[in-house]
Amino acid sequence: MTDDVSTRVKLHGLDVLSDNHYVLRNARFEFRRSDGTWQSQKRESYDMGDGAAVLPIDRRRGTVVLIRQFRWPVFEVGRREMFIEAVAGKLDGDAPEDCVRREAMEEAGLTISGLELVTRCFASPGAVKEQLSLFLAVYDSAAPRAKGGGHAHEGEDIEVLEMTLDEALAMVARGEIADMKTILLLQAAKLKSAP
């Protein structure tokens, strides 16, 4: 990348406001605008650590595996159904590839292979510091599976869903799947399957 803005930022303070579960910081800085003037700004950032997500695909059958679980922020804004999303988790010091293999087993009981990085992205860069690594992977729908379901001690109560890619995309169109990383992964899978 050639557009390094480091010379346009003067940091004056970075204070921790909360570190209850993740870290909420308040930054005080000056930013040199495009017209050359310096502007004082304050911004909060929520640091929840980097993560990774994976969409397991059985290309022979055209199926994908997603999970359904309770998400407090989604409930808080008024959605009363369980939230459907791709298998995902925090890196916790692991490489993104190791993270998605671990989470596929913990959440969905799946052994995955053939990892393909789709992208590394930020879902909400205005406030959240998390960078996500998004992968497509292969799974065998006929292979035996572990229990999955997540870890109760982490508050997880996960249901595993298996459906065709087209069924999942229809759920996106109806608003039943509203998770950004999942939508991106489903669209990437559809593009990969196009002739």
N, C-alpha and C. Protein backbone atom coordinates (compact mmCIF):
# COMPACT_ATOMS: atom_id res chain seq x y z
N MET A 1 0.85 -1.18 0.00
CA MET A 1 0.00 0.00 0.00
C MET A 1 0.89 1.24 0.00
N THR A 2 0.51 2.22 -0.77
CA THR A 2 1.34 3.41 -0.90
C THR A 2 0.77 4.63 -0.18
N ASP A 3 -0.45 4.57 0.28
CA ASP A 3 -1.10 5.72 0.89
C ASP A 3 -0.95 5.71 2.41
N ASP A 4 0.26 5.89 2.92
CA ASP A 4 0.54 5.87 4.35
C ASP A 4 0.15 7.23 4.94
N VAL A 5 -0.86 7.23 5.83
CA VAL A 5 -1.35 8.48 6.42
C VAL A 5 -0.69 8.80 7.76
N SER A 6 0.38 8.10 8.11
CA SER A 6 1.03 8.31 9.41
C SER A 6 1.41 9.76 9.66
N THR A 7 1.87 10.47 8.62
CA THR A 7 2.27 11.86 8.80
C THR A 7 1.08 12.80 8.96
N ARG A 8 -0.12 12.28 8.79
CA ARG A 8 -1.34 13.11 8.91
C ARG A 8 -2.02 12.92 10.26
N VAL A 9 -1.44 12.09 11.15
CA VAL A 9 -2.05 11.81 12.45
C VAL A 9 -1.08 12.13 13.56
N LYS A 10 -1.52 12.93 14.54
CA LYS A 10 -0.75 13.21 15.76
C LYS A 10 -1.58 12.72 16.95
N LEU A 11 -1.17 11.60 17.54
CA LEU A 11 -1.90 11.04 18.67
C LEU A 11 -1.54 11.79 19.95
N HIS A 12 -2.57 12.22 20.69
CA HIS A 12 -2.36 12.93 21.95
C HIS A 12 -2.72 12.09 23.17
N GLY A 13 -3.51 11.06 22.99
CA GLY A 13 -3.87 10.20 24.12
C GLY A 13 -4.70 9.03 23.66
N LEU A 14 -4.51 7.90 24.35
CA LEU A 14 -5.28 6.70 24.06
C LEU A 14 -5.63 6.09 25.42
N ASP A 15 -6.87 6.29 25.85
CA ASP A 15 -7.30 5.90 27.18
C ASP A 15 -8.22 4.69 27.13
N VAL A 16 -8.03 3.75 28.04
CA VAL A 16 -8.90 2.60 28.15
C VAL A 16 -10.14 3.00 28.95
N LEU A 17 -11.31 2.86 28.35
CA LEU A 17 -12.57 3.19 29.01
C LEU A 17 -13.18 1.96 29.68
N SER A 18 -12.94 0.80 29.09
CA SER A 18 -13.47 -0.45 29.64
C SER A 18 -12.63 -1.60 29.12
N ASP A 19 -12.42 -2.60 29.99
CA ASP A 19 -11.78 -3.84 29.55
C ASP A 19 -12.51 -5.02 30.18
N ASN A 20 -13.83 -4.90 30.21
CA ASN A 20 -14.68 -5.91 30.83
C ASN A 20 -14.59 -7.25 30.12
N HIS A 21 -14.85 -7.28 28.83
CA HIS A 21 -14.74 -8.52 28.04
C HIS A 21 -13.80 -8.29 26.88
N TYR A 22 -14.02 -7.19 26.19
CA TYR A 22 -13.11 -6.70 25.16
C TYR A 22 -12.65 -5.32 25.62
N VAL A 23 -11.86 -4.62 24.81
CA VAL A 23 -11.30 -3.34 25.26
C VAL A 23 -11.90 -2.19 24.46
N LEU A 24 -12.44 -1.22 25.21
CA LEU A 24 -12.97 0.01 24.61
C LEU A 24 -11.99 1.13 24.92
N ARG A 25 -11.47 1.78 23.87
CA ARG A 25 -10.50 2.86 24.03
C ARG A 25 -11.05 4.17 23.47
N ASN A 26 -10.56 5.27 24.03
CA ASN A 26 -10.87 6.60 23.52
C ASN A 26 -9.56 7.24 23.05
N ALA A 27 -9.52 7.59 21.77
CA ALA A 27 -8.32 8.22 21.19
C ALA A 27 -8.57 9.71 21.02
N ARG A 28 -7.57 10.49 21.41
CA ARG A 28 -7.57 11.94 21.15
C ARG A 28 -6.41 12.21 20.21
N PHE A 29 -6.71 12.81 19.06
CA PHE A 29 -5.67 13.02 18.06
C PHE A 29 -6.01 14.21 17.17
N GLU A 30 -5.02 14.62 16.41
CA GLU A 30 -5.24 15.61 15.35
C GLU A 30 -5.04 14.90 14.02
N PHE A 31 -5.87 15.29 13.07
CA PHE A 31 -5.79 14.72 11.73
C PHE A 31 -5.65 15.86 10.72
N ARG A 32 -4.62 15.76 9.86
CA ARG A 32 -4.44 16.78 8.83
C ARG A 32 -5.36 16.45 7.66
N ARG A 33 -6.29 17.36 7.44
CA ARG A 33 -7.28 17.17 6.39
C ARG A 33 -6.65 17.35 5.01
N SER A 34 -7.38 17.01 3.99
CA SER A 34 -6.88 17.11 2.61
C SER A 34 -6.48 18.53 2.23
N ASP A 35 -7.11 19.53 2.87
CA ASP A 35 -6.77 20.93 2.55
C ASP A 35 -5.58 21.44 3.34
N GLY A 36 -4.96 20.55 4.17
CA GLY A 36 -3.75 20.92 4.93
C GLY A 36 -4.02 21.39 6.34
N THR A 37 -5.26 21.64 6.72
CA THR A 37 -5.56 22.10 8.08
C THR A 37 -5.62 20.91 9.04
N TRP A 38 -5.22 21.18 10.30
CA TRP A 38 -5.27 20.15 11.33
C TRP A 38 -6.58 20.27 12.09
N GLN A 39 -7.22 19.12 12.33
CA GLN A 39 -8.49 19.09 13.04
C GLN A 39 -8.37 18.16 14.24
N SER A 40 -8.75 18.66 15.44
CA SER A 40 -8.76 17.82 16.64
C SER A 40 -9.98 16.89 16.59
N GLN A 41 -9.75 15.61 16.93
CA GLN A 41 -10.83 14.64 16.91
C GLN A 41 -10.73 13.71 18.11
N LYS A 42 -11.85 13.11 18.46
CA LYS A 42 -11.92 12.06 19.47
C LYS A 42 -12.68 10.90 18.84
N ARG A 43 -12.18 9.71 19.03
CA ARG A 43 -12.85 8.52 18.51
C ARG A 43 -12.71 7.38 19.50
N GLU A 44 -13.76 6.60 19.64
CA GLU A 44 -13.70 5.39 20.44
C GLU A 44 -13.51 4.20 19.50
N SER A 45 -12.73 3.25 19.95
CA SER A 45 -12.56 2.01 19.18
C SER A 45 -12.76 0.83 20.11
N TYR A 46 -13.42 -0.17 19.59
CA TYR A 46 -13.70 -1.39 20.34
C TYR A 46 -12.77 -2.47 19.83
N ASP A 47 -11.89 -2.95 20.69
CA ASP A 47 -10.90 -3.94 20.31
C ASP A 47 -11.34 -5.30 20.83
N MET A 48 -11.83 -6.13 19.92
CA MET A 48 -12.27 -7.46 20.31
C MET A 48 -11.34 -8.55 19.79
N GLY A 49 -10.20 -8.13 19.25
CA GLY A 49 -9.25 -9.09 18.71
C GLY A 49 -9.64 -9.50 17.29
N ASP A 50 -8.67 -9.96 16.53
CA ASP A 50 -8.93 -10.39 15.16
C ASP A 50 -9.60 -11.76 15.16
N GLY A 51 -10.30 -12.02 14.07
CA GLY A 51 -11.04 -13.27 13.97
C GLY A 51 -10.93 -13.88 12.59
N ALA A 52 -11.56 -15.02 12.44
CA ALA A 52 -11.60 -15.71 11.16
C ALA A 52 -12.93 -16.44 11.05
N ALA A 53 -13.40 -16.60 9.82
CA ALA A 53 -14.65 -17.30 9.56
C ALA A 53 -14.46 -18.20 8.36
N VAL A 54 -15.27 -19.25 8.31
CA VAL A 54 -15.16 -20.22 7.21
C VAL A 54 -16.55 -20.68 6.79
N LEU A 55 -16.70 -20.88 5.49
CA LEU A 55 -17.91 -21.49 4.93
C LEU A 55 -17.53 -22.87 4.39
N PRO A 56 -17.87 -23.95 5.11
CA PRO A 56 -17.61 -25.29 4.60
C PRO A 56 -18.58 -25.64 3.47
N ILE A 57 -18.04 -26.21 2.39
CA ILE A 57 -18.83 -26.53 1.20
C ILE A 57 -18.57 -27.97 0.79
N ASP A 58 -19.64 -28.69 0.50
CA ASP A 58 -19.54 -30.00 -0.15
C ASP A 58 -19.96 -29.76 -1.60
N ARG A 59 -19.01 -29.61 -2.48
CA ARG A 59 -19.30 -29.24 -3.88
C ARG A 59 -20.05 -30.34 -4.63
N ARG A 60 -19.85 -31.61 -4.25
CA ARG A 60 -20.57 -32.70 -4.93
C ARG A 60 -22.07 -32.57 -4.71
N ARG A 61 -22.46 -32.25 -3.48
CA ARG A 61 -23.89 -32.13 -3.16
C ARG A 61 -24.39 -30.70 -3.23
N GLY A 62 -23.47 -29.74 -3.33
CA GLY A 62 -23.89 -28.33 -3.38
C GLY A 62 -24.38 -27.80 -2.05
N THR A 63 -23.90 -28.41 -0.94
CA THR A 63 -24.36 -27.99 0.38
C THR A 63 -23.31 -27.16 1.10
N VAL A 64 -23.79 -26.38 2.04
CA VAL A 64 -22.93 -25.58 2.91
C VAL A 64 -23.37 -25.82 4.35
N VAL A 65 -22.47 -25.52 5.28
CA VAL A 65 -22.80 -25.63 6.70
C VAL A 65 -22.72 -24.23 7.31
N LEU A 66 -23.80 -23.87 8.00
CA LEU A 66 -23.88 -22.62 8.76
C LEU A 66 -24.26 -23.00 10.19
N ILE A 67 -24.23 -22.03 11.07
CA ILE A 67 -24.63 -22.26 12.45
C ILE A 67 -25.70 -21.25 12.84
N ARG A 68 -26.46 -21.60 13.88
CA ARG A 68 -27.48 -20.69 14.41
C ARG A 68 -27.28 -20.60 15.91
N GLN A 69 -27.24 -19.35 16.42
CA GLN A 69 -27.04 -19.15 17.85
C GLN A 69 -27.62 -17.81 18.28
N PHE A 70 -27.70 -17.62 19.59
CA PHE A 70 -28.18 -16.35 20.15
C PHE A 70 -27.07 -15.32 20.11
N ARG A 71 -27.40 -14.11 19.66
CA ARG A 71 -26.46 -12.99 19.66
C ARG A 71 -27.13 -11.81 20.35
N TRP A 72 -26.59 -11.39 21.51
CA TRP A 72 -27.20 -10.31 22.27
C TRP A 72 -27.37 -9.02 21.46
N PRO A 73 -26.33 -8.49 20.76
CA PRO A 73 -26.52 -7.23 20.04
C PRO A 73 -27.65 -7.29 19.01
N VAL A 74 -27.82 -8.43 18.38
CA VAL A 74 -28.89 -8.60 17.40
C VAL A 74 -30.25 -8.56 18.11
N PHE A 75 -30.33 -9.24 19.24
CA PHE A 75 -31.56 -9.22 20.05
C PHE A 75 -31.85 -7.80 20.54
N GLU A 76 -30.80 -7.11 20.96
CA GLU A 76 -30.96 -5.76 21.50
C GLU A 76 -31.58 -4.80 20.49
N VAL A 77 -31.29 -4.99 19.19
CA VAL A 77 -31.87 -4.08 18.18
C VAL A 77 -33.25 -4.54 17.72
N GLY A 78 -33.76 -5.64 18.28
CA GLY A 78 -35.14 -6.02 18.00
C GLY A 78 -35.37 -7.28 17.20
N ARG A 79 -34.31 -7.94 16.76
CA ARG A 79 -34.50 -9.22 16.04
C ARG A 79 -34.68 -10.31 17.08
N ARG A 80 -35.76 -11.03 17.00
CA ARG A 80 -36.10 -12.01 18.04
C ARG A 80 -35.78 -13.45 17.66
N GLU A 81 -35.24 -13.69 16.50
CA GLU A 81 -34.88 -15.04 16.10
C GLU A 81 -33.40 -15.30 16.37
N MET A 82 -33.06 -16.58 16.43
CA MET A 82 -31.66 -16.95 16.56
C MET A 82 -30.94 -16.49 15.30
N PHE A 83 -29.65 -16.19 15.41
CA PHE A 83 -28.88 -15.57 14.33
C PHE A 83 -28.11 -16.63 13.55
N ILE A 84 -28.26 -16.61 12.23
CA ILE A 84 -27.60 -17.58 11.36
C ILE A 84 -26.33 -16.94 10.81
N GLU A 85 -25.23 -17.68 10.91
CA GLU A 85 -23.95 -17.15 10.45
C GLU A 85 -22.97 -18.27 10.11
N ALA A 86 -21.86 -17.87 9.52
CA ALA A 86 -20.78 -18.80 9.22
C ALA A 86 -20.06 -19.17 10.50
N VAL A 87 -19.40 -20.31 10.49
CA VAL A 87 -18.53 -20.73 11.59
C VAL A 87 -17.43 -19.68 11.73
N ALA A 88 -17.19 -19.21 12.95
CA ALA A 88 -16.21 -18.15 13.15
C ALA A 88 -15.70 -18.16 14.58
N GLY A 89 -14.59 -17.47 14.77
CA GLY A 89 -14.06 -17.35 16.12
C GLY A 89 -12.91 -16.37 16.19
N LYS A 90 -12.47 -16.11 17.38
CA LYS A 90 -11.32 -15.25 17.63
C LYS A 90 -10.03 -16.03 17.41
N LEU A 91 -9.00 -15.35 16.92
CA LEU A 91 -7.74 -16.03 16.65
C LEU A 91 -7.08 -16.56 17.92
N ASP A 92 -7.17 -15.82 19.01
CA ASP A 92 -6.58 -16.24 20.28
C ASP A 92 -5.13 -16.67 20.12
N GLY A 93 -4.37 -15.93 19.30
CA GLY A 93 -2.96 -16.22 19.10
C GLY A 93 -2.66 -17.21 18.00
N ASP A 94 -3.69 -17.85 17.46
CA ASP A 94 -3.49 -18.81 16.37
C ASP A 94 -3.45 -18.12 15.02
N ALA A 95 -2.93 -18.80 14.02
CA ALA A 95 -3.03 -18.35 12.64
C ALA A 95 -4.50 -18.49 12.23
N PRO A 96 -4.98 -17.64 11.31
CA PRO A 96 -6.38 -17.72 10.89
C PRO A 96 -6.79 -19.11 10.40
N GLU A 97 -5.91 -19.79 9.70
CA GLU A 97 -6.21 -21.14 9.20
C GLU A 97 -6.44 -22.12 10.35
N ASP A 98 -5.61 -22.03 11.38
CA ASP A 98 -5.77 -22.90 12.55
C ASP A 98 -7.06 -22.56 13.29
N CYS A 99 -7.38 -21.29 13.35
CA CYS A 99 -8.60 -20.84 14.02
C CYS A 99 -9.83 -21.44 13.36
N VAL A 100 -9.94 -21.36 12.03
CA VAL A 100 -11.15 -21.87 11.38
C VAL A 100 -11.24 -23.40 11.46
N ARG A 101 -10.11 -24.08 11.44
CA ARG A 101 -10.15 -25.54 11.62
C ARG A 101 -10.67 -25.88 13.02
N ARG A 102 -10.17 -25.17 14.03
CA ARG A 102 -10.60 -25.39 15.41
C ARG A 102 -12.08 -25.08 15.57
N GLU A 103 -12.51 -23.94 15.05
CA GLU A 103 -13.91 -23.53 15.21
C GLU A 103 -14.87 -24.43 14.43
N ALA A 104 -14.45 -24.92 13.27
CA ALA A 104 -15.30 -25.84 12.50
C ALA A 104 -15.58 -27.09 13.32
N MET A 105 -14.59 -27.58 14.04
CA MET A 105 -14.78 -28.76 14.89
C MET A 105 -15.62 -28.42 16.12
N GLU A 106 -15.26 -27.32 16.82
CA GLU A 106 -15.96 -26.95 18.05
C GLU A 106 -17.42 -26.59 17.80
N GLU A 107 -17.68 -25.81 16.78
CA GLU A 107 -19.03 -25.31 16.56
C GLU A 107 -19.90 -26.25 15.73
N ALA A 108 -19.31 -26.87 14.69
CA ALA A 108 -20.12 -27.67 13.77
C ALA A 108 -19.75 -29.14 13.74
N GLY A 109 -18.71 -29.55 14.47
CA GLY A 109 -18.31 -30.95 14.48
C GLY A 109 -17.69 -31.41 13.17
N LEU A 110 -17.16 -30.48 12.39
CA LEU A 110 -16.65 -30.77 11.06
C LEU A 110 -15.13 -30.76 10.98
N THR A 111 -14.61 -31.68 10.20
CA THR A 111 -13.23 -31.63 9.77
C THR A 111 -13.25 -30.99 8.38
N ILE A 112 -12.48 -29.92 8.21
CA ILE A 112 -12.45 -29.21 6.93
C ILE A 112 -11.07 -29.31 6.31
N SER A 113 -11.02 -29.12 5.01
CA SER A 113 -9.76 -29.13 4.27
C SER A 113 -9.87 -28.15 3.11
N GLY A 114 -8.78 -28.05 2.34
CA GLY A 114 -8.81 -27.21 1.14
C GLY A 114 -9.14 -25.75 1.41
N LEU A 115 -8.59 -25.21 2.48
CA LEU A 115 -8.88 -23.81 2.83
C LEU A 115 -8.47 -22.88 1.70
N GLU A 116 -9.35 -21.94 1.38
CA GLU A 116 -9.09 -20.93 0.36
C GLU A 116 -9.43 -19.56 0.94
N LEU A 117 -8.44 -18.72 1.08
CA LEU A 117 -8.67 -17.38 1.61
C LEU A 117 -9.45 -16.56 0.59
N VAL A 118 -10.59 -16.02 1.02
CA VAL A 118 -11.39 -15.14 0.16
C VAL A 118 -10.88 -13.71 0.30
N THR A 119 -10.74 -13.25 1.54
CA THR A 119 -10.26 -11.89 1.80
C THR A 119 -9.97 -11.71 3.28
N ARG A 120 -9.26 -10.63 3.57
CA ARG A 120 -9.12 -10.13 4.94
C ARG A 120 -9.80 -8.77 4.93
N CYS A 121 -10.70 -8.53 5.86
CA CYS A 121 -11.50 -7.32 5.79
C CYS A 121 -11.90 -6.83 7.18
N PHE A 122 -12.45 -5.63 7.22
CA PHE A 122 -13.00 -5.02 8.43
C PHE A 122 -14.50 -4.87 8.21
N ALA A 123 -15.29 -5.32 9.17
CA ALA A 123 -16.74 -5.26 9.03
C ALA A 123 -17.31 -3.90 9.42
N SER A 124 -16.70 -3.25 10.40
CA SER A 124 -17.21 -1.97 10.88
C SER A 124 -16.04 -1.07 11.28
N PRO A 125 -15.26 -0.60 10.28
CA PRO A 125 -14.00 0.10 10.56
C PRO A 125 -14.15 1.44 11.26
N GLY A 126 -15.34 1.98 11.35
CA GLY A 126 -15.53 3.25 12.04
C GLY A 126 -15.44 3.12 13.55
N ALA A 127 -15.62 1.91 14.08
CA ALA A 127 -15.63 1.75 15.53
C ALA A 127 -14.98 0.47 16.03
N VAL A 128 -14.89 -0.55 15.19
CA VAL A 128 -14.40 -1.85 15.64
C VAL A 128 -13.08 -2.17 14.98
N LYS A 129 -12.11 -2.55 15.80
CA LYS A 129 -10.74 -2.78 15.35
C LYS A 129 -10.52 -4.16 14.74
N GLU A 130 -11.49 -5.05 14.83
CA GLU A 130 -11.34 -6.43 14.38
C GLU A 130 -11.11 -6.57 12.88
N GLN A 131 -10.07 -7.32 12.51
CA GLN A 131 -9.84 -7.70 11.12
C GLN A 131 -10.20 -9.17 10.99
N LEU A 132 -11.02 -9.48 10.00
CA LEU A 132 -11.48 -10.85 9.78
C LEU A 132 -10.79 -11.47 8.58
N SER A 133 -10.37 -12.71 8.71
CA SER A 133 -9.88 -13.51 7.59
C SER A 133 -11.01 -14.46 7.22
N LEU A 134 -11.45 -14.40 5.97
CA LEU A 134 -12.60 -15.19 5.53
C LEU A 134 -12.17 -16.28 4.55
N PHE A 135 -12.63 -17.51 4.81
CA PHE A 135 -12.21 -18.67 4.04
C PHE A 135 -13.40 -19.46 3.50
N LEU A 136 -13.20 -20.09 2.36
CA LEU A 136 -14.03 -21.18 1.89
C LEU A 136 -13.25 -22.46 2.20
N ALA A 137 -13.96 -23.55 2.46
CA ALA A 137 -13.29 -24.82 2.76
C ALA A 137 -14.15 -25.97 2.26
N VAL A 138 -13.54 -27.13 2.23
CA VAL A 138 -14.21 -28.34 1.78
C VAL A 138 -14.57 -29.18 3.00
N TYR A 139 -15.76 -29.76 2.97
CA TYR A 139 -16.13 -30.78 3.95
C TYR A 139 -16.86 -31.88 3.22
N ASP A 140 -16.89 -33.06 3.82
CA ASP A 140 -17.57 -34.20 3.24
C ASP A 140 -18.86 -34.41 4.03
N SER A 141 -19.99 -34.15 3.39
CA SER A 141 -21.28 -34.24 4.08
C SER A 141 -21.62 -35.66 4.50
N ALA A 142 -20.98 -36.66 3.90
CA ALA A 142 -21.25 -38.05 4.25
C ALA A 142 -20.34 -38.57 5.36
N ALA A 143 -19.32 -37.81 5.72
CA ALA A 143 -18.37 -38.26 6.75
C ALA A 143 -18.98 -38.15 8.13
N PRO A 144 -18.55 -39.02 9.06
CA PRO A 144 -19.01 -38.90 10.45
C PRO A 144 -18.60 -37.54 11.02
N ARG A 145 -19.42 -37.06 11.93
CA ARG A 145 -19.15 -35.74 12.55
C ARG A 145 -19.05 -35.86 14.05
N ALA A 146 -18.29 -34.94 14.61
CA ALA A 146 -18.24 -34.80 16.07
C ALA A 146 -19.51 -34.07 16.51
N LYS A 147 -19.67 -33.91 17.79
CA LYS A 147 -20.89 -33.30 18.34
C LYS A 147 -21.06 -31.84 17.93
N GLY A 148 -20.00 -31.03 18.01
CA GLY A 148 -20.15 -29.59 17.73
C GLY A 148 -20.98 -28.92 18.81
N GLY A 149 -21.56 -27.78 18.49
CA GLY A 149 -22.43 -27.08 19.42
C GLY A 149 -21.76 -26.01 20.25
N GLY A 150 -20.42 -25.90 20.16
CA GLY A 150 -19.71 -24.87 20.91
C GLY A 150 -19.44 -25.29 22.33
N HIS A 151 -19.02 -24.32 23.13
CA HIS A 151 -18.67 -24.56 24.54
C HIS A 151 -19.67 -23.84 25.44
N ALA A 152 -20.35 -24.60 26.28
CA ALA A 152 -21.33 -24.03 27.20
C ALA A 152 -20.69 -23.00 28.13
N HIS A 153 -19.44 -23.25 28.58
CA HIS A 153 -18.79 -22.32 29.51
C HIS A 153 -18.48 -20.97 28.84
N GLU A 154 -18.54 -20.91 27.50
CA GLU A 154 -18.38 -19.64 26.78
C GLU A 154 -19.73 -19.04 26.41
N GLY A 155 -20.81 -19.65 26.91
CA GLY A 155 -22.15 -19.15 26.61
C GLY A 155 -22.67 -19.59 25.25
N GLU A 156 -22.01 -20.56 24.63
CA GLU A 156 -22.42 -21.00 23.29
C GLU A 156 -23.46 -22.11 23.38
N ASP A 157 -24.46 -22.03 22.54
CA ASP A 157 -25.51 -23.04 22.41
C ASP A 157 -25.84 -23.05 20.92
N ILE A 158 -25.03 -23.76 20.14
CA ILE A 158 -25.02 -23.64 18.68
C ILE A 158 -25.75 -24.80 18.02
N GLU A 159 -26.61 -24.45 17.07
CA GLU A 159 -27.28 -25.44 16.22
C GLU A 159 -26.60 -25.43 14.86
N VAL A 160 -26.32 -26.60 14.34
CA VAL A 160 -25.67 -26.73 13.03
C VAL A 160 -26.74 -26.85 11.95
N LEU A 161 -26.59 -26.06 10.89
CA LEU A 161 -27.52 -26.09 9.76
C LEU A 161 -26.78 -26.53 8.51
N GLU A 162 -27.39 -27.42 7.76
CA GLU A 162 -26.83 -27.83 6.47
C GLU A 162 -27.92 -27.62 5.42
N MET A 163 -27.54 -26.92 4.35
CA MET A 163 -28.50 -26.61 3.29
C MET A 163 -27.75 -26.41 1.99
N THR A 164 -28.48 -26.28 0.90
CA THR A 164 -27.81 -26.00 -0.36
C THR A 164 -27.36 -24.54 -0.37
N LEU A 165 -26.37 -24.27 -1.19
CA LEU A 165 -25.90 -22.90 -1.34
C LEU A 165 -27.03 -22.01 -1.82
N ASP A 166 -27.82 -22.48 -2.75
CA ASP A 166 -28.94 -21.67 -3.26
C ASP A 166 -29.98 -21.40 -2.18
N GLU A 167 -30.24 -22.39 -1.31
CA GLU A 167 -31.18 -22.15 -0.19
C GLU A 167 -30.63 -21.07 0.74
N ALA A 168 -29.34 -21.11 1.01
CA ALA A 168 -28.73 -20.10 1.89
C ALA A 168 -28.83 -18.71 1.25
N LEU A 169 -28.56 -18.62 -0.04
CA LEU A 169 -28.66 -17.33 -0.72
C LEU A 169 -30.09 -16.81 -0.75
N ALA A 170 -31.07 -17.71 -0.86
CA ALA A 170 -32.48 -17.30 -0.80
C ALA A 170 -32.80 -16.75 0.59
N MET A 171 -32.19 -17.31 1.63
CA MET A 171 -32.39 -16.80 2.99
C MET A 171 -31.80 -15.40 3.13
N VAL A 172 -30.69 -15.15 2.44
CA VAL A 172 -30.12 -13.79 2.43
C VAL A 172 -31.11 -12.84 1.79
N ALA A 173 -31.66 -13.22 0.66
CA ALA A 173 -32.61 -12.35 -0.06
C ALA A 173 -33.85 -12.06 0.77
N ARG A 174 -34.27 -13.01 1.61
CA ARG A 174 -35.45 -12.81 2.47
C ARG A 174 -35.10 -12.10 3.78
N GLY A 175 -33.83 -11.82 4.01
CA GLY A 175 -33.41 -11.16 5.24
C GLY A 175 -33.25 -12.10 6.42
N GLU A 176 -33.30 -13.41 6.19
CA GLU A 176 -33.17 -14.37 7.27
C GLU A 176 -31.71 -14.59 7.66
N ILE A 177 -30.80 -14.34 6.73
CA ILE A 177 -29.37 -14.32 7.03
C ILE A 177 -28.94 -12.87 6.84
N ALA A 178 -28.49 -12.24 7.93
CA ALA A 178 -28.17 -10.81 7.90
C ALA A 178 -26.76 -10.53 8.39
N ASP A 179 -25.94 -11.55 8.49
CA ASP A 179 -24.57 -11.40 8.97
C ASP A 179 -23.65 -11.08 7.79
N MET A 180 -22.90 -9.98 7.88
CA MET A 180 -22.09 -9.51 6.75
C MET A 180 -21.05 -10.53 6.30
N LYS A 181 -20.31 -11.12 7.22
CA LYS A 181 -19.27 -12.07 6.82
C LYS A 181 -19.87 -13.27 6.12
N THR A 182 -21.03 -13.70 6.59
CA THR A 182 -21.70 -14.85 6.01
C THR A 182 -22.21 -14.53 4.61
N ILE A 183 -22.79 -13.38 4.44
CA ILE A 183 -23.27 -12.97 3.12
C ILE A 183 -22.12 -12.91 2.13
N LEU A 184 -21.01 -12.33 2.55
CA LEU A 184 -19.84 -12.24 1.68
C LEU A 184 -19.34 -13.63 1.29
N LEU A 185 -19.26 -14.53 2.25
CA LEU A 185 -18.78 -15.88 1.97
C LEU A 185 -19.73 -16.65 1.05
N LEU A 186 -21.03 -16.51 1.27
CA LEU A 186 -22.00 -17.17 0.40
C LEU A 186 -21.91 -16.65 -1.04
N GLN A 187 -21.76 -15.34 -1.17
CA GLN A 187 -21.62 -14.77 -2.52
C GLN A 187 -20.32 -15.22 -3.18
N ALA A 188 -19.25 -15.30 -2.40
CA ALA A 188 -17.97 -15.78 -2.96
C ALA A 188 -18.10 -17.23 -3.41
N ALA A 189 -18.80 -18.04 -2.63
CA ALA A 189 -19.01 -19.45 -3.01
C ALA A 189 -19.83 -19.54 -4.29
N LYS A 190 -20.84 -18.70 -4.42
CA LYS A 190 -21.67 -18.71 -5.63
C LYS A 190 -20.84 -18.30 -6.85
N LEU A 191 -20.01 -17.28 -6.69
CA LEU A 191 -19.14 -16.86 -7.81
C LEU A 191 -18.19 -17.98 -8.21
N LYS A 192 -17.66 -18.71 -7.23
CA LYS A 192 -16.74 -19.81 -7.52
C LYS A 192 -17.45 -20.96 -8.25
N SER A 193 -18.75 -21.12 -8.00
CA SER A 193 -19.47 -22.23 -8.62
C SER A 193 -20.03 -21.88 -10.00
N ALA A 194 -19.97 -20.59 -10.35
CA ALA A 194 -20.50 -20.16 -11.66
C ALA A 194 -19.63 -20.72 -12.78
N PRO A 195 -20.28 -21.12 -13.90
CA PRO A 195 -19.50 -21.69 -15.03
C PRO A 195 -18.58 -20.67 -15.67
